Amino acid sequence: MVSNTPRRIRVAKEPDVVEAPLNVREYWFEEFRRVIVVPDNNGCMLFSIDVHRMYSSPDEIGFNVVSKVEDNDIHIVYYTIPVEIAPRLQDRKAEWAELVVVKAADRRIEASDVRLYYCSISEFPDRDSVYEVYKAVVKLIEGRDPDENPLKAPEIIRRVYESRGLL
């Protein structure tokens, strides 16, 4: 008997570390969260780490505003994270750290990413070292341990993965 039901072909899981253009690396955690690492010409690397947290007011954030960009009712606010509490990378202290928060027209206030800048790095860190930084940032901003309380992909992301044959 021949089935007329189309067969889904499962593709290989995307790699946990992706080499992107311009010598950028993407490290993927919890299936849909990424840490983008961008080297500069001075032996330093910028880490941009996906986070998400809803705040009820700016007072709840607890860091100092360093700058903001406003476009009508949308505000992107940059907060300084003291380097003393920022995660270390392979025993190196961050040169600077910031939290990016979006304040939307409907009054939602949401953290979107954390940026960390490390220097004196001769090569890209391994995935385990980047995960330790990611884990520390998630604990700091979201108050969650990704090992003990891992995220589940939101429905929209699950649908995208399914459409790509990844689930």
Protein backbone atom coordinates (compact mmCIF):
# COMPACT_ATOMS: atom_id res chain seq x y z
CA MET A 1 0.00 0.00 0.00
CA VAL A 2 1.37 3.37 -1.01
CA SER A 3 0.88 6.29 1.33
CA ASN A 4 0.01 9.70 -0.09
CA THR A 5 1.09 11.40 3.11
CA PRO A 6 4.21 13.50 2.50
CA ARG A 7 7.24 12.34 4.43
CA ARG A 8 9.10 14.86 6.51
CA ILE A 9 12.81 14.69 6.13
CA ARG A 10 14.62 15.54 9.33
CA VAL A 11 17.72 17.65 8.83
CA ALA A 12 20.73 17.63 11.08
CA LYS A 13 20.63 19.79 14.19
CA GLU A 14 22.25 23.15 13.70
CA PRO A 15 25.74 23.39 15.18
CA ASP A 16 26.19 24.76 18.69
CA VAL A 17 28.93 27.09 17.45
CA VAL A 18 28.56 28.87 14.12
CA GLU A 19 31.35 30.67 12.33
CA ALA A 20 29.67 33.71 10.85
CA PRO A 21 31.01 36.29 8.39
CA LEU A 22 33.57 38.88 9.46
CA ASN A 23 35.22 36.46 11.91
CA VAL A 24 32.20 36.49 14.23
CA ARG A 25 31.11 33.42 16.19
CA GLU A 26 27.66 32.49 17.44
CA TYR A 27 27.42 30.13 20.40
CA TRP A 28 23.94 28.61 20.85
CA PHE A 29 22.45 27.56 24.20
CA GLU A 30 19.03 26.34 25.30
CA GLU A 31 18.20 25.73 21.61
CA PHE A 32 17.34 29.34 20.76
CA ARG A 33 19.54 31.62 22.86
CA ARG A 34 22.82 32.84 21.44
CA VAL A 35 26.00 34.55 22.48
CA ILE A 36 27.59 36.49 19.64
CA VAL A 37 31.34 37.02 19.99
CA VAL A 38 32.94 39.74 17.87
CA PRO A 39 36.71 40.19 17.96
CA ASP A 40 38.30 43.58 17.39
CA ASN A 41 41.81 44.42 16.20
CA ASN A 42 43.11 45.13 19.72
CA GLY A 43 42.97 41.60 21.18
CA CYS A 44 39.55 42.26 22.72
CA MET A 45 36.17 40.61 22.14
CA LEU A 46 32.64 41.89 22.49
CA PHE A 47 30.08 39.39 23.79
CA SER A 48 26.41 40.06 23.08
CA ILE A 49 24.23 37.70 25.12
CA ASP A 50 20.50 37.11 24.58
CA VAL A 51 18.46 37.60 27.76
CA HIS A 52 14.86 38.37 28.54
CA ARG A 53 13.30 39.91 31.59
CA MET A 54 10.19 42.01 32.02
CA TYR A 55 10.43 44.89 34.49
CA SER A 56 7.51 46.65 36.13
CA SER A 57 9.40 49.97 36.28
CA PRO A 58 12.87 51.37 35.51
CA ASP A 59 13.54 51.50 39.28
CA GLU A 60 13.47 47.70 39.36
CA ILE A 61 16.48 47.43 37.01
CA GLY A 62 19.02 48.46 39.63
CA PHE A 63 21.81 49.71 37.34
CA ASN A 64 22.73 53.25 36.25
CA VAL A 65 21.66 54.60 32.86
CA VAL A 66 24.65 55.33 30.66
CA SER A 67 22.78 56.42 27.51
CA LYS A 68 19.49 56.10 25.67
CA VAL A 69 18.09 56.33 22.18
CA GLU A 70 14.52 57.49 21.73
CA ASP A 71 12.32 57.21 18.66
CA ASN A 72 8.79 58.41 19.35
CA ASP A 73 7.48 56.12 22.07
CA ILE A 74 10.23 53.48 21.79
CA HIS A 75 13.30 53.87 24.01
CA ILE A 76 16.45 51.77 24.02
CA VAL A 77 18.22 52.33 27.31
CA TYR A 78 21.77 51.23 28.09
CA TYR A 79 22.59 50.49 31.73
CA THR A 80 26.09 50.05 33.13
CA ILE A 81 26.64 46.75 34.90
CA PRO A 82 29.49 47.16 37.40
CA VAL A 83 32.44 45.05 36.22
CA GLU A 84 32.83 43.75 39.77
CA ILE A 85 29.63 41.75 39.37
CA ALA A 86 30.00 40.94 35.66
CA PRO A 87 31.09 37.36 34.92
CA ARG A 88 34.74 36.66 34.35
CA LEU A 89 35.95 34.93 31.19
CA GLN A 90 38.79 32.47 31.78
CA ASP A 91 39.77 34.46 34.87
CA ARG A 92 39.65 37.78 33.00
CA LYS A 93 37.54 40.62 34.31
CA ALA A 94 35.33 42.42 31.77
CA GLU A 95 36.58 45.85 30.72
CA TRP A 96 32.97 47.04 30.65
CA ALA A 97 29.49 45.57 30.81
CA GLU A 98 26.04 46.86 29.92
CA LEU A 99 22.41 45.80 29.90
CA VAL A 100 20.20 46.80 26.98
CA VAL A 101 16.56 47.48 27.87
CA VAL A 102 13.72 48.34 25.49
CA LYS A 103 10.84 50.47 26.71
CA ALA A 104 7.95 50.08 24.27
CA ALA A 105 5.07 52.42 23.49
CA ASP A 106 2.70 50.16 25.44
CA ARG A 107 4.89 50.74 28.53
CA ARG A 108 6.50 47.29 28.48
CA ILE A 109 10.04 47.38 29.81
CA GLU A 110 12.14 44.40 28.71
CA ALA A 111 15.80 43.48 28.91
CA SER A 112 17.01 42.16 25.54
CA ASP A 113 20.73 41.57 25.85
CA VAL A 114 23.86 42.02 27.87
CA ARG A 115 27.12 43.18 26.33
CA LEU A 116 30.48 42.37 27.84
CA TYR A 117 33.89 43.46 26.58
CA TYR A 118 36.96 41.36 27.41
CA CYS A 119 40.57 42.07 26.46
CA SER A 120 43.86 40.13 26.25
CA ILE A 121 42.23 37.22 24.44
CA SER A 122 44.35 35.58 21.76
CA GLU A 123 41.75 33.20 20.34
CA PHE A 124 38.05 32.45 20.51
CA PRO A 125 37.04 30.88 23.82
CA ASP A 126 35.73 27.32 23.81
CA ARG A 127 32.01 26.61 24.12
CA ASP A 128 32.28 25.62 27.80
CA SER A 129 33.92 28.93 28.73
CA VAL A 130 31.26 30.89 26.85
CA TYR A 131 28.53 28.83 28.53
CA GLU A 132 29.88 29.77 31.97
CA VAL A 133 29.60 33.46 31.02
CA TYR A 134 26.10 32.89 29.59
CA LYS A 135 24.99 31.03 32.71
CA ALA A 136 26.30 33.78 35.02
CA VAL A 137 24.55 36.49 32.97
CA VAL A 138 21.25 34.58 32.98
CA LYS A 139 21.48 34.19 36.75
CA LEU A 140 22.29 37.90 37.19
CA ILE A 141 19.58 39.30 34.91
CA GLU A 142 16.85 36.65 34.82
CA GLY A 143 17.41 35.13 38.26
CA ARG A 144 17.39 31.67 36.69
CA ASP A 145 19.97 28.87 36.50
CA PRO A 146 19.84 27.44 32.95
CA ASP A 147 21.05 24.04 34.21
CA GLU A 148 18.32 23.73 36.84
CA ASN A 149 15.56 25.55 35.00
CA PRO A 150 16.17 25.39 31.22
CA LEU A 151 13.95 27.34 28.88
CA LYS A 152 11.49 25.77 26.50
CA ALA A 153 11.39 27.29 23.05
CA PRO A 154 8.44 29.68 22.66
CA GLU A 155 5.70 28.56 20.27
CA ILE A 156 6.79 30.89 17.46
CA ILE A 157 10.33 29.54 17.61
CA ARG A 158 9.06 25.96 17.71
CA ARG A 159 7.00 26.65 14.57
CA VAL A 160 10.02 28.10 12.78
CA TYR A 161 12.14 25.08 13.77
CA GLU A 162 9.40 22.71 12.63
CA SER A 163 9.13 24.51 9.28
CA ARG A 164 12.88 24.04 8.85
CA GLY A 165 12.62 20.36 9.74
CA LEU A 166 14.58 20.72 12.97
CA LEU A 167 11.85 19.39 15.28
